[in-house]
Protein backbone atom coordinates (compact mmCIF):
# COMPACT_ATOMS: atom_id res chain seq x y z
CA UNK A 1 0.00 0.00 0.00
CA UNK A 2 2.91 2.37 0.73
CA UNK A 3 4.22 1.92 -2.81
CA UNK A 4 0.75 2.61 -4.24
CA UNK A 5 0.46 5.81 -2.19
CA UNK A 6 3.90 6.97 -3.38
CA UNK A 7 3.02 6.25 -7.03
CA UNK A 8 -0.30 8.09 -6.80
CA UNK A 9 1.41 11.01 -5.03
CA UNK A 10 3.93 11.29 -7.86
CA UNK A 11 1.14 11.09 -10.42
CA UNK A 12 -0.69 13.86 -8.53
CA UNK A 13 2.36 16.14 -8.63
CA UNK A 14 2.82 15.68 -12.39
CA UNK A 15 -0.90 16.03 -13.12
CA UNK A 16 -1.23 19.19 -10.99
CA UNK A 17 1.82 20.81 -12.58
CA UNK A 18 0.62 20.15 -16.12
CA UNK A 19 -2.93 21.05 -15.12
CA UNK A 20 -1.76 24.45 -13.89
CA UNK A 21 -0.07 25.22 -17.21
CA UNK A 22 -2.85 23.94 -19.44
CA UNK A 23 -5.84 24.88 -17.27
CA UNK A 24 -7.01 21.25 -17.30
CA UNK A 25 -5.43 17.82 -17.28
CA UNK A 26 -5.47 16.61 -13.66
CA UNK A 27 -8.48 14.38 -14.23
CA UNK A 28 -7.40 13.53 -17.77
CA UNK A 29 -4.11 12.12 -16.54
CA UNK A 30 -5.31 10.59 -13.29
CA UNK A 31 -8.57 8.90 -14.25
CA UNK A 32 -7.04 6.27 -16.62
CA UNK A 33 -4.35 5.39 -14.06
CA UNK A 34 -6.65 5.33 -11.03
CA UNK A 35 -8.93 2.88 -12.82
CA UNK A 36 -6.23 0.26 -12.16
CA UNK A 37 -6.86 0.76 -8.43
CA UNK A 38 -10.52 1.74 -8.11
CA UNK A 39 -13.87 1.06 -9.80
CA UNK A 40 -15.06 3.78 -12.19
CA UNK A 41 -17.47 5.55 -9.77
CA UNK A 42 -14.87 5.63 -6.98
CA UNK A 43 -12.23 6.83 -9.43
CA UNK A 44 -14.34 9.83 -10.42
CA UNK A 45 -14.94 10.74 -6.77
CA UNK A 46 -11.30 10.25 -5.78
CA UNK A 47 -9.87 12.26 -8.68
CA UNK A 48 -12.54 14.92 -8.17
CA UNK A 49 -11.32 15.43 -4.60
CA UNK A 50 -7.66 15.71 -5.66
CA UNK A 51 -8.63 18.03 -8.51
CA UNK A 52 -10.58 20.27 -6.15
CA UNK A 53 -7.57 20.84 -3.88
CA UNK A 54 -5.39 21.53 -6.92
CA UNK A 55 -7.88 24.13 -8.15
CA UNK A 56 -8.10 25.82 -4.74
CA UNK A 57 -4.30 26.11 -4.68
CA UNK A 58 -4.37 27.85 -8.09
CA UNK A 59 -6.82 30.41 -6.69
CA UNK A 60 -4.38 31.50 -3.99
CA UNK A 61 -1.30 31.42 -6.22
CA UNK A 62 -2.80 33.37 -9.11
CA UNK A 63 -5.06 35.77 -7.20
CA UNK A 64 -3.99 38.68 -9.42
CA UNK A 65 -6.03 37.12 -12.21
CA UNK A 66 -9.42 37.76 -10.58
CA UNK A 67 -12.09 38.71 -13.15
CA UNK A 68 -15.57 38.42 -11.64
CA UNK A 69 -17.50 38.87 -14.88
CA UNK A 70 -15.94 35.85 -16.55
CA UNK A 71 -15.95 33.80 -13.36
CA UNK A 72 -19.65 34.29 -12.62
CA UNK A 73 -20.71 33.73 -16.22
CA UNK A 74 -18.70 30.49 -16.33
CA UNK A 75 -19.22 29.31 -12.80
CA UNK A 76 -22.96 29.47 -12.22
CA UNK A 77 -24.09 27.41 -15.26
CA UNK A 78 -21.02 25.18 -14.81
CA UNK A 79 -21.94 24.27 -11.23
CA UNK A 80 -25.53 23.41 -12.15
CA UNK A 81 -24.56 21.46 -15.27
CA UNK A 82 -21.79 19.54 -13.43
CA UNK A 83 -24.26 18.30 -10.82
CA UNK A 84 -26.66 17.19 -13.56
CA UNK A 85 -23.84 15.51 -15.46
CA UNK A 86 -22.63 13.68 -12.36
CA UNK A 87 -26.16 12.43 -11.69
CA UNK A 88 -26.36 11.10 -15.28
CA UNK A 89 -22.83 9.62 -15.29
CA UNK A 90 -23.85 6.00 -15.20
CA UNK A 91 -26.88 6.35 -17.48
CA UNK A 92 -25.17 7.60 -20.66
CA UNK A 93 -22.45 6.20 -23.00
CA UNK A 94 -19.50 8.31 -21.83
CA UNK A 95 -17.19 6.71 -24.44
CA UNK A 96 -19.21 8.23 -27.28
CA UNK A 97 -19.29 11.61 -25.54
CA UNK A 98 -15.53 11.55 -24.97
CA UNK A 99 -14.90 10.74 -28.64
CA UNK A 100 -17.09 13.66 -29.72
CA UNK A 101 -15.14 15.97 -27.41
CA UNK A 102 -11.85 14.61 -28.79
CA UNK A 103 -12.80 15.32 -32.39
CA UNK A 104 -13.93 18.81 -31.39
CA UNK A 105 -10.62 19.54 -29.63
CA UNK A 106 -8.51 18.40 -32.58
CA UNK A 107 -10.64 20.49 -34.93
CA UNK A 108 -10.31 23.56 -32.71
CA UNK A 109 -6.52 23.32 -32.43
CA UNK A 110 -6.21 22.79 -36.19
CA UNK A 111 -8.31 25.89 -36.77
CA UNK A 112 -6.31 28.21 -34.52
CA UNK A 113 -3.08 26.96 -36.07
CA UNK A 114 -4.46 27.91 -39.48
CA UNK A 115 -5.96 31.14 -38.14
CA UNK A 116 -3.48 32.27 -35.43
CA UNK A 117 -5.21 35.64 -35.01
CA UNK A 118 -8.56 34.01 -34.22
CA UNK A 119 -10.12 35.47 -31.08
CA UNK A 120 -13.61 35.69 -29.62
CA UNK A 121 -14.38 38.91 -27.80
CA UNK A 122 -15.25 37.90 -24.21
CA UNK A 123 -19.00 38.17 -23.73
CA UNK A 124 -21.60 36.80 -21.34
CA UNK A 125 -23.40 34.54 -23.84
CA UNK A 126 -20.26 32.63 -24.85
CA UNK A 127 -19.11 32.36 -21.23
CA UNK A 128 -22.51 31.02 -20.13
CA UNK A 129 -22.56 28.39 -22.87
CA UNK A 130 -18.93 27.47 -22.26
CA UNK A 131 -19.52 27.08 -18.53
CA UNK A 132 -22.61 24.93 -19.07
CA UNK A 133 -20.98 22.59 -21.58
CA UNK A 134 -17.75 22.25 -19.60
CA UNK A 135 -19.69 21.50 -16.41
CA UNK A 136 -21.97 18.98 -18.09
CA UNK A 137 -19.17 17.05 -19.79
CA UNK A 138 -17.01 17.28 -16.67
CA UNK A 139 -19.75 15.69 -14.59
CA UNK A 140 -20.52 13.05 -17.22
CA UNK A 141 -17.01 11.91 -18.07
CA UNK A 142 -14.85 13.19 -15.23
CA UNK A 143 -12.18 14.32 -17.72
CA UNK A 144 -13.58 16.43 -20.56
CA UNK A 145 -14.90 19.48 -18.72
CA UNK A 146 -11.58 21.23 -18.22
CA UNK A 147 -10.60 20.82 -21.86
CA UNK A 148 -13.84 22.43 -23.06
CA UNK A 149 -13.32 25.26 -20.55
CA UNK A 150 -9.79 25.74 -21.91
CA UNK A 151 -11.10 26.00 -25.48
CA UNK A 152 -13.46 28.84 -24.59
CA UNK A 153 -10.96 30.72 -22.43
CA UNK A 154 -8.10 30.41 -24.95
CA UNK A 155 -10.44 31.71 -27.65
CA UNK A 156 -10.72 34.84 -25.46
CA UNK A 157 -6.89 35.03 -25.56
CA UNK A 158 -6.74 36.02 -21.88
CA UNK A 159 -3.60 37.06 -19.99
CA UNK A 160 -1.89 34.11 -18.24
CA UNK A 161 -2.84 35.06 -14.68
CA UNK A 162 -6.52 35.57 -15.56
CA UNK A 163 -6.60 32.29 -17.49
CA UNK A 164 -5.09 30.16 -14.71
CA UNK A 165 -7.05 31.88 -11.91
CA UNK A 166 -10.33 31.50 -13.81
CA UNK A 167 -9.75 27.81 -14.58
CA UNK A 168 -8.86 27.28 -10.91
CA UNK A 169 -11.85 29.05 -9.38
CA UNK A 170 -14.41 27.80 -11.87
CA UNK A 171 -12.86 24.33 -11.72
CA UNK A 172 -13.11 24.28 -7.92
CA UNK A 173 -16.78 25.28 -8.04
CA UNK A 174 -17.61 22.73 -10.74
CA UNK A 175 -15.61 19.97 -9.04
CA UNK A 176 -17.40 20.67 -5.77
CA UNK A 177 -20.71 20.33 -7.53
CA UNK A 178 -19.88 17.06 -9.26
CA UNK A 179 -18.34 15.61 -6.08
CA UNK A 180 -21.65 16.31 -4.34
CA UNK A 181 -23.45 14.65 -7.25
CA UNK A 182 -21.31 11.50 -7.00
CA UNK A 183 -21.68 11.42 -3.21
CA UNK A 184 -25.45 11.86 -3.29
CA UNK A 185 -25.58 9.11 -5.90
CA UNK A 186 -24.15 6.70 -3.33
CA UNK A 187 -20.49 6.64 -4.41
CA UNK A 188 -17.92 6.12 -1.64
CA UNK A 189 -14.19 5.34 -1.70
CA UNK A 190 -13.85 1.84 -0.24
CA UNK A 191 -10.12 1.29 -0.73
CA UNK A 192 -6.95 1.51 1.30
CA UNK A 193 -5.75 4.42 -0.83
CA UNK A 194 -8.17 6.64 1.08
CA UNK A 195 -5.66 6.78 3.95
CA UNK A 196 -3.22 8.52 1.60
CA UNK A 197 -5.53 11.44 0.80
CA UNK A 198 -3.54 13.90 3.02
CA UNK A 199 -0.39 13.02 1.04
CA UNK A 200 -2.24 13.47 -2.26
CA UNK A 201 -3.46 16.90 -1.15
CA UNK A 202 0.11 17.97 -0.35
CA UNK A 203 1.25 16.53 -3.67
CA UNK A 204 -1.37 18.55 -5.54
CA UNK A 205 -0.17 21.75 -3.84
CA UNK A 206 3.45 20.95 -4.75
CA UNK A 207 2.42 20.29 -8.34
CA UNK A 208 0.66 23.65 -8.63
CA UNK A 209 3.76 25.43 -7.28
CA UNK A 210 5.90 23.71 -9.92
CA UNK A 211 3.34 24.63 -12.56
CA UNK A 212 3.39 28.27 -11.47
CA UNK A 213 7.15 28.42 -11.95
CA UNK A 214 6.75 26.96 -15.44
CA UNK A 215 3.94 29.38 -16.36
CA UNK A 216 6.16 32.29 -15.34
CA UNK A 217 8.74 31.21 -17.92
CA UNK A 218 6.28 31.07 -20.83
CA UNK A 219 5.98 34.34 -22.81
CA UNK A 220 2.40 35.66 -22.97
CA UNK A 221 2.36 35.53 -26.79
CA UNK A 222 3.30 31.83 -26.68
CA UNK A 223 0.99 30.81 -23.85
CA UNK A 224 -2.07 30.21 -26.02
CA UNK A 225 -0.13 27.76 -28.19
CA UNK A 226 1.24 25.90 -25.19
CA UNK A 227 -2.35 25.30 -24.05
CA UNK A 228 -3.28 24.34 -27.63
CA UNK A 229 -0.51 21.71 -27.61
CA UNK A 230 -2.05 20.05 -24.55
CA UNK A 231 -5.52 20.31 -26.09
CA UNK A 232 -4.27 18.54 -29.22
CA UNK A 233 -2.76 15.66 -27.22
CA UNK A 234 -5.92 15.23 -25.16
CA UNK A 235 -8.10 15.55 -28.27
CA UNK A 236 -6.20 12.75 -30.01
CA UNK A 237 -6.42 10.62 -26.88
CA UNK A 238 -10.18 11.13 -26.54
CA UNK A 239 -10.74 10.49 -30.26
CA UNK A 240 -8.81 7.19 -30.34
CA UNK A 241 -9.08 5.92 -26.77
CA UNK A 242 -12.25 7.36 -25.15
């Protein structure tokens, strides 16, 4: 069990660091691995808890990026949709949904590479729709919500601090909602790994700190394409291996 806790802690550090840079990715990296240890429902709850602490850490480390208009427009529909998605998790074919998301992500990255000046002016309607879709797919699949959120926010071409802070705060709110949905649906973590949760929380904090250092070294004009790189990898993964 000690070896398992160490391996999951290392995975948490890597996932949190990459998740800080990309604005998503903790669940995407952790869910496939945790399925070797836990059943699917318990995996979603476990990763949701780790993801929540990672998001909260981003809030404190990137507090200069506070933008209430974007946060409220994303967060409110995202919270509601995430709870609904979590409640529907085991009633819908998540593999098909993940493949659809994957094709969408690859198409989006291809488009912005062909049209590098593409940008959507931040507005309430787009933010509301983006929050709702990211919350719904996050609750349904446990992995796709952050990627959809990243698509919308990168299309706004936001400054780095605002981007990371927004993904952290909205992600924390959405994760809290879907965790409640899993819990109310009867999901519990019945595995020895649960004793390692304090270590995983510390690992997630360490990962965010590493990610912050890496974000600081990325020029603003290159940041959008760094996120697009991660979106492309995840899009290919979802398309071929949902």
